Amino acid sequence: MTLTGLLAAAQPALASPAAEVTDPVNAAFGEAAETYQVPRELLIAVGYGETRLDDHDGAPSHARGYGVMHLVDNPTHRTLVTAAGETGLPVAELRSDTVANIHGGAAVLRAYADEVGLSAEERADLDAWYPVVARYGGADADASARLYADHVYDLLRDGLAATVGDGETVVVQGQEVDPERGEYAEADLGVLSDDYPSARWVPAHTSNYSAGRTQAIDTVVIHVTQGSYAGAISWFQNPAAQVSAHYTIRSSDGEITQSVRDRDTAWHARSANSHSIGIEHEGWVDEPSWFTDAMYRSSAALTQHLAAEHGIPLDRQHIVGHVEVPGNDHTDPGPHWDWNYYMELVGGDPGEPGEPGEPGAPELTFPSYSTLANGSTGPQVSALQYLLNQNGQNAGTVDGQFGPNTESAVRGFQSAKGLAVDGKVGPRTWTALLSAGSTDSLRQGSSGAAVSRLQRALTAALGRTVSADGQFGPLTDQAVREYQDSRGLGVDGQVGPLTWGALQSGR
């Protein structure tokens, strides 16, 4: 059945023709619910649990799931293909069009309901859908399937509200639920971790990690799942995944599940796997709302425990983001992760990454910064790629080769900063990149990583060398005053919001 036919068949579900225009996502949920006889509240709760109703512009999740309903296409879970078969819609449309995606999700739920034999009367009962929801999550293990379905029913019990599209709000009112868990009632969620008793223990498939260690543990790597909590745990149990992390933390309440023992090598950060522990955080790098206080506090407590257990220093050289690990092409945890707050909770040195000699960071300090473009090579290109990754632009692997990925990341950064978008890295782009970060007030007598960052940015902005020694002395004071004067700022030698703002906008 085509989407046009679906919309026509579902027309009575709409409050009025205007609703289809002003509230298209609400309309789509209503249409899909009526067409496939799936409770609207359940359909929304499944989508919200997967993506918070964000389609991420068609980008796939870690498990290759698409759209607000997270229709999946991987070797062992193929709801996208099922949706195409049930709706008659093209796979490309199901991936990229929200209305089609919602209909696809409803079609999959209805197909599963038919397979378990739900009658028309049972389909009207939210509680009867539990086994169907558990299957939709794609988990092979009953414990993971129950984690997934329980979360959906928690959303139904508590209610939810999500802002989507152009400010449209999708709401589910909280209601009493008493799910009929069936075969999942016996799934044991009470098994706790031996390494961290506050965590659940749901082991990854043995195809997704290596037994034992070849090096001592000295690093914690912070990740973002690019998907849901239960989805990540389930993916680690899928032998086709070829990835895993030691721990995963839920956004809503900070619940922790361990999937790989500390003593074993999870596959989460390539070159750092042998000596690190990986902590995944539920969410998406471009959505700060996933990074809740409950998640930060739970993660920090875990990191404190790991540091004490394995002798890991509580600083930014040993507690790093995935993006900071050499040889990786990921950008997580991204620009919305609050490193200062996290390190404060950990009780460590907030510092800043990117200083010369730090693990995971190339050399960033040069006597001058050359103009770079596609085809450039060398250490300054490595510095550029690292800084782009740090600022949420995916330049790919830090390899010192300025190719198409790096150019695309440069253009993305330039657009975000309001700079001329030409894909070339001259003084203005260098200044904005080198100065990006915290904006703590600095003055003569200040010291530390922020001062080094200031000095590098001044070198690019002024076109002359400002020694990046991390000490704010008379020469740095002179450079600041020169910059302030040349940019029409108040000349006081102090670096506050106005001076940082000018630097970070590439002036």
Foldseek 3Di string as FASTA:
>chain_A
DAPVVLCVVQVVQDPDPVCCVPPVLVSLLSSLCVSLVAPSLLLQLQLCQKAVQDQVQLDAFLQRFGGSNRQGDDPQHGLLVVLCVQHVDDSVCCRHPRSSVSNSSSSQLSVLCVVVPQDSVLSVAPQSSLVSQLVSLPFPALLLSNVRSVSSVVCQQCKDWGQDDPRHIDTHHHDDYDHDNPPSVPRDQPDADPLDRQATEDAFDPLQWFAFAPDAAAAEEEAERSIHQSSLSRLSNDNVSNFHFQWEFFQPAGHIYGHDDPRIFTHHQVVCRRHYGYYYYYDDLVDLSSNDPNNLLSVLVVVLSVCVVRVHALEDLRYDYSLLAAPFQALPPADSDDLVVSSVSNVHDSADPADPPRHSHAHDDDQAQDKDAQAFFDRNQLNLCSLLSPHHQGLGHSDRHRHPSQLRSLQVLCVVLVHPRDSMDALLSQLLSLQPDDFDKDAQAFFGDNQLSVQRSLCSNVVGHRDSPRHRHPSQLVSLQVVCVVVVHDRDSMRGDVNSSCRNSRD
